Amino acid sequence: MKMQDEKGPIVSIKGLHKNYGDLEILKGVDLDVQEGEVISIIGSSGSGKTTLLRCINLLEEFQSGEIRIDGRPIGYDIRNGRRIRNKESVIAKQRAMTGMAFQSFNLFPHFSALHNVTLGLVKVRGLPKAEARSQAEHWLDRVGMLSRKDHKPSQLSGGQQQRVAIARAIAMEPRVMLFDEVTSALDPELVGEVLNTVRSLAEDGTTMILVTHEMHFAYNVSDRVLFMNEGRIEEQGAPDALFLHPRSPRLASFLKDFRL
């Protein structure tokens, strides 16, 4: 696991609660993530994994608690003792501190791979078109997709589309990358190429939080693994400890088929 950074965690979550009406999805989540750390979140469907990522990315409102990135609270301000959601213009800037790759690739179907990556660099980061193109080509090359830069999504396999989506997210230079089940929509033979891309970014020191069902990948690539159960982090630790010596009976049951 990465050493404690003197500047403090890059992501800090305290007492996070998220409800959908009367249904409580997150029940007081606390989590600190250090710069360069790779964290995998595992757990059954409905345990709150994806909701946690969407709160960090401000795609979901949360009812109480606090999320800080680089020491700054995001999403909400406290005014006169009341919790007020930030304006959308402020939230858009805060959201740019995180990059997110989704289960579905969310590429613009009528744009080429290159255009999909350059668009945010021009519109959000305000880069000149030539510089945006250069950076986009760098990241497409980094994920092995430069030779397909002029192809539209319909001309690419699912794995190729996902790699373009990852390039688009990380080209924005976020402080932390969030991956939400990025292989779940792929045919089995395409899973490896996407996981290899994520593994390579992790080896480069990219701070990342991954929600995944790929247990061997989580075991091999993570600095720390979190097991979520019913809206809480039930157990966390180094991969060896969590996978080979689970303390929680629920985690032991969840991992019963895991073999090295």
Protein backbone atom coordinates (compact mmCIF):
# COMPACT_ATOMS: atom_id res chain seq x y z
CA MET A 1 0.00 0.00 0.00
CA LYS A 2 1.19 3.53 -0.72
CA MET A 3 2.72 5.48 2.14
CA GLN A 4 0.67 8.23 3.79
CA ASP A 5 1.11 11.46 1.85
CA GLU A 6 2.10 14.50 3.91
CA LYS A 7 -0.47 16.51 1.94
CA GLY A 8 -3.21 14.18 3.06
CA PRO A 9 -5.40 11.90 0.97
CA ILE A 10 -6.32 12.87 -2.57
CA VAL A 11 -9.88 11.65 -1.93
CA SER A 12 -11.42 11.79 1.53
CA ILE A 13 -14.96 10.61 2.26
CA LYS A 14 -16.53 11.03 5.69
CA GLY A 15 -19.91 9.72 6.83
CA LEU A 16 -21.39 9.47 3.33
CA HIS A 17 -25.11 8.69 3.22
CA LYS A 18 -27.17 8.31 0.05
CA ASN A 19 -30.89 7.61 -0.10
CA TYR A 20 -33.37 6.97 -2.89
CA GLY A 21 -36.57 8.00 -1.14
CA ASP A 22 -36.89 5.73 1.89
CA LEU A 23 -34.25 3.32 0.58
CA GLU A 24 -30.82 3.90 2.13
CA ILE A 25 -28.09 2.92 -0.34
CA LEU A 26 -24.95 4.21 1.40
CA LYS A 27 -24.94 4.02 5.19
CA GLY A 28 -22.07 6.14 6.42
CA VAL A 29 -19.10 5.35 4.16
CA ASP A 30 -15.64 6.54 5.26
CA LEU A 31 -12.74 6.24 2.84
CA ASP A 32 -9.35 7.91 2.28
CA VAL A 33 -7.43 7.37 -0.96
CA GLN A 34 -3.77 8.33 -1.25
CA GLU A 35 -2.21 9.70 -4.43
CA GLY A 36 -1.10 6.86 -6.71
CA GLU A 37 -3.15 4.28 -4.81
CA VAL A 38 -5.16 1.66 -6.69
CA ILE A 39 -8.31 0.62 -4.86
CA SER A 40 -10.70 -2.09 -6.02
CA ILE A 41 -14.23 -2.25 -4.66
CA ILE A 42 -15.90 -5.65 -4.69
CA GLY A 43 -19.27 -6.88 -3.45
CA SER A 44 -22.63 -8.18 -4.55
CA SER A 45 -24.96 -6.24 -6.84
CA GLY A 46 -26.88 -3.67 -4.84
CA SER A 47 -24.19 -3.24 -2.20
CA GLY A 48 -23.63 0.42 -3.14
CA LYS A 49 -20.41 0.15 -5.17
CA THR A 50 -21.51 2.06 -8.26
CA THR A 51 -23.49 4.58 -6.22
CA LEU A 52 -20.32 5.40 -4.29
CA LEU A 53 -18.42 6.11 -7.52
CA ARG A 54 -21.28 8.23 -8.86
CA CYS A 55 -21.29 10.29 -5.67
CA ILE A 56 -17.54 10.90 -5.98
CA ASN A 57 -18.11 12.02 -9.59
CA LEU A 58 -21.11 14.14 -8.49
CA LEU A 59 -23.44 12.26 -10.81
CA GLU A 60 -25.52 11.51 -7.72
CA GLU A 61 -26.56 13.85 -4.92
CA PHE A 62 -25.90 12.60 -1.41
CA GLN A 63 -27.94 13.40 1.66
CA SER A 64 -25.21 13.79 4.27
CA GLY A 65 -21.49 13.44 4.76
CA GLU A 66 -18.61 15.01 2.91
CA ILE A 67 -16.40 14.24 -0.07
CA ARG A 68 -13.12 16.11 -0.48
CA ILE A 69 -10.73 15.97 -3.42
CA ASP A 70 -7.31 17.53 -2.90
CA GLY A 71 -8.59 18.76 0.46
CA ARG A 72 -11.50 20.72 -1.02
CA PRO A 73 -15.13 19.78 -0.32
CA ILE A 74 -17.07 19.04 -3.49
CA GLY A 75 -20.75 19.15 -4.36
CA TYR A 76 -21.98 21.21 -1.41
CA ASP A 77 -21.28 24.25 0.74
CA ILE A 78 -22.39 24.89 4.31
CA ARG A 79 -24.09 28.29 4.64
CA ASN A 80 -25.62 29.46 7.90
CA GLY A 81 -25.60 25.90 9.11
CA ARG A 82 -27.46 24.66 6.02
CA ARG A 83 -26.10 22.31 3.39
CA ILE A 84 -26.49 23.86 -0.09
CA ARG A 85 -25.69 22.09 -3.36
CA ASN A 86 -23.26 24.04 -5.51
CA LYS A 87 -24.32 25.62 -8.78
CA GLU A 88 -24.03 23.38 -11.81
CA SER A 89 -21.21 25.54 -13.21
CA VAL A 90 -19.20 24.92 -10.03
CA ILE A 91 -20.06 21.22 -10.00
CA ALA A 92 -18.91 20.88 -13.63
CA LYS A 93 -15.47 22.20 -12.63
CA GLN A 94 -15.36 19.93 -9.58
CA ARG A 95 -16.43 16.93 -11.64
CA ALA A 96 -13.46 17.54 -13.95
CA MET A 97 -11.20 16.56 -11.03
CA THR A 98 -12.32 12.98 -11.57
CA GLY A 99 -12.42 10.92 -14.74
CA MET A 100 -14.95 8.12 -15.07
CA ALA A 101 -15.18 5.14 -17.39
CA PHE A 102 -18.57 3.46 -17.39
CA GLN A 103 -19.97 0.01 -18.16
CA SER A 104 -21.40 1.45 -21.36
CA PHE A 105 -18.84 3.34 -23.37
CA ASN A 106 -20.89 6.54 -23.88
CA LEU A 107 -18.97 7.55 -26.99
CA PHE A 108 -20.54 9.98 -29.45
CA PRO A 109 -21.56 7.63 -32.28
CA HIS A 110 -21.18 10.16 -35.09
CA PHE A 111 -17.64 11.22 -34.07
CA SER A 112 -14.37 9.45 -34.77
CA ALA A 113 -12.30 8.06 -31.91
CA LEU A 114 -9.98 11.06 -32.21
CA HIS A 115 -12.87 13.54 -32.14
CA ASN A 116 -14.36 11.80 -29.09
CA VAL A 117 -11.11 12.39 -27.20
CA THR A 118 -10.37 15.93 -28.44
CA LEU A 119 -13.85 17.29 -27.76
CA GLY A 120 -13.47 17.67 -24.00
CA LEU A 121 -9.92 18.95 -24.33
CA VAL A 122 -11.20 21.83 -26.48
CA LYS A 123 -14.60 22.49 -24.88
CA VAL A 124 -13.74 21.92 -21.20
CA ARG A 125 -10.01 22.46 -20.86
CA GLY A 126 -9.89 25.15 -23.54
CA LEU A 127 -6.89 23.78 -25.41
CA PRO A 128 -6.14 24.98 -28.94
CA LYS A 129 -7.27 22.40 -31.49
CA ALA A 130 -3.74 21.46 -32.54
CA GLU A 131 -2.65 20.86 -28.93
CA ALA A 132 -5.85 18.94 -28.20
CA ARG A 133 -5.27 16.74 -31.21
CA SER A 134 -1.67 16.06 -30.14
CA GLN A 135 -2.74 15.11 -26.62
CA ALA A 136 -5.62 12.98 -27.91
CA GLU A 137 -3.28 11.11 -30.24
CA HIS A 138 -0.87 10.56 -27.34
CA TRP A 139 -3.56 8.96 -25.18
CA LEU A 140 -5.02 6.94 -28.03
CA ASP A 141 -1.53 5.62 -28.65
CA ARG A 142 -1.16 4.95 -24.92
CA VAL A 143 -4.24 2.67 -24.96
CA GLY A 144 -3.30 1.05 -28.26
CA MET A 145 -5.92 2.80 -30.37
CA LEU A 146 -3.97 5.31 -32.43
CA SER A 147 -4.28 3.21 -35.58
CA ARG A 148 -8.08 3.38 -35.19
CA LYS A 149 -8.25 7.11 -34.53
CA ASP A 150 -10.40 7.85 -37.60
CA HIS A 151 -12.87 5.04 -36.92
CA LYS A 152 -16.33 5.74 -35.54
CA PRO A 153 -17.61 3.68 -32.60
CA SER A 154 -19.71 1.45 -34.87
CA GLN A 155 -16.48 0.40 -36.61
CA LEU A 156 -14.83 -0.64 -33.36
CA SER A 157 -15.20 -3.69 -31.13
CA GLY A 158 -16.53 -3.26 -27.62
CA GLY A 159 -13.06 -3.55 -26.17
CA GLN A 160 -11.75 -0.94 -28.58
CA GLN A 161 -14.61 1.42 -27.73
CA GLN A 162 -13.89 1.02 -24.03
CA ARG A 163 -10.21 1.83 -24.56
CA VAL A 164 -11.19 5.01 -26.44
CA ALA A 165 -13.51 5.90 -23.56
CA ILE A 166 -10.65 5.42 -21.09
CA ALA A 167 -8.37 7.57 -23.26
CA ARG A 168 -11.04 10.28 -23.36
CA ALA A 169 -11.36 10.29 -19.57
CA ILE A 170 -7.68 10.25 -18.68
CA ALA A 171 -6.75 12.83 -21.35
CA MET A 172 -8.57 15.36 -19.18
CA GLU A 173 -5.82 14.85 -16.55
CA PRO A 174 -8.15 14.09 -13.63
CA ARG A 175 -6.79 13.78 -10.12
CA VAL A 176 -8.37 10.35 -9.80
CA MET A 177 -9.79 7.85 -12.29
CA LEU A 178 -13.00 5.96 -11.51
CA PHE A 179 -13.77 2.70 -13.31
CA ASP A 180 -17.28 1.26 -13.03
CA GLU A 181 -17.36 -2.37 -14.18
CA VAL A 182 -15.60 -1.42 -17.40
CA THR A 183 -15.53 -5.03 -18.64
CA SER A 184 -19.08 -6.09 -17.77
CA ALA A 185 -20.54 -5.25 -21.19
CA LEU A 186 -17.76 -7.01 -23.11
CA ASP A 187 -17.52 -10.45 -24.61
CA PRO A 188 -15.10 -12.61 -22.59
CA GLU A 189 -12.39 -12.54 -25.27
CA LEU A 190 -12.32 -8.71 -25.16
CA VAL A 191 -12.01 -8.37 -21.38
CA GLY A 192 -8.24 -8.91 -21.30
CA GLU A 193 -7.36 -6.02 -23.61
CA VAL A 194 -9.27 -3.53 -21.43
CA LEU A 195 -7.87 -4.91 -18.17
CA ASN A 196 -4.36 -4.70 -19.60
CA THR A 197 -4.97 -1.04 -20.39
CA VAL A 198 -6.14 -0.35 -16.83
CA ARG A 199 -3.22 -2.33 -15.41
CA SER A 200 -0.77 -0.28 -17.46
CA LEU A 201 -2.25 2.99 -16.17
CA ALA A 202 -2.01 1.68 -12.61
CA GLU A 203 1.65 0.82 -13.13
CA ASP A 204 2.20 4.42 -14.27
CA GLY A 205 0.98 5.66 -10.88
CA THR A 206 -2.53 6.75 -11.83
CA THR A 207 -4.74 7.12 -8.77
CA MET A 208 -7.77 4.93 -9.38
CA ILE A 209 -10.85 3.47 -7.76
CA LEU A 210 -12.30 0.46 -9.56
CA VAL A 211 -15.59 -1.31 -9.11
CA THR A 212 -15.05 -4.77 -10.55
CA HIS A 213 -16.26 -8.35 -10.61
CA GLU A 214 -12.88 -9.47 -11.97
CA MET A 215 -11.52 -10.95 -8.75
CA HIS A 216 -8.13 -12.04 -10.08
CA PHE A 217 -7.60 -8.60 -11.58
CA ALA A 218 -8.48 -6.96 -8.26
CA TYR A 219 -6.12 -9.30 -6.46
CA ASN A 220 -3.21 -8.63 -8.80
CA VAL A 221 -3.48 -4.90 -9.47
CA SER A 222 -4.78 -3.36 -6.23
CA ASP A 223 -2.95 -1.74 -3.35
CA ARG A 224 -6.12 -2.14 -1.31
CA VAL A 225 -9.41 -3.95 -1.75
CA LEU A 226 -12.72 -2.89 -0.20
CA PHE A 227 -15.62 -5.27 0.30
CA MET A 228 -18.97 -3.48 0.35
CA ASN A 229 -22.05 -5.08 1.84
CA GLU A 230 -25.45 -3.44 2.27
CA GLY A 231 -24.18 0.10 1.83
CA ARG A 232 -21.15 -0.15 4.09
CA ILE A 233 -17.47 -1.00 3.74
CA GLU A 234 -17.54 -4.25 5.68
CA GLU A 235 -13.88 -5.15 5.26
CA GLN A 236 -10.80 -3.66 3.62
CA GLY A 237 -7.12 -4.41 3.39
CA ALA A 238 -4.28 -5.60 1.21
CA PRO A 239 -5.32 -8.13 -1.46
CA ASP A 240 -3.54 -11.04 0.26
CA ALA A 241 -5.32 -10.36 3.53
CA LEU A 242 -8.75 -9.85 2.03
CA PHE A 243 -8.77 -12.66 -0.51
CA LEU A 244 -6.83 -15.29 1.39
CA HIS A 245 -7.86 -14.55 4.99
CA PRO A 246 -11.30 -12.92 5.00
CA ARG A 247 -12.58 -12.09 8.49
CA SER A 248 -16.19 -11.38 7.59
CA PRO A 249 -18.40 -14.46 7.06
CA ARG A 250 -20.19 -12.54 4.30
CA LEU A 251 -16.91 -11.88 2.49
CA ALA A 252 -15.81 -15.49 2.92
CA SER A 253 -19.06 -16.59 1.29
CA PHE A 254 -18.65 -14.03 -1.51
CA LEU A 255 -15.13 -15.33 -2.26
CA LYS A 256 -15.88 -19.04 -1.85
CA ASP A 257 -15.08 -19.79 -5.51
CA PHE A 258 -11.95 -17.63 -5.68
CA ARG A 259 -8.77 -19.58 -6.44
CA LEU A 260 -5.29 -18.27 -7.18
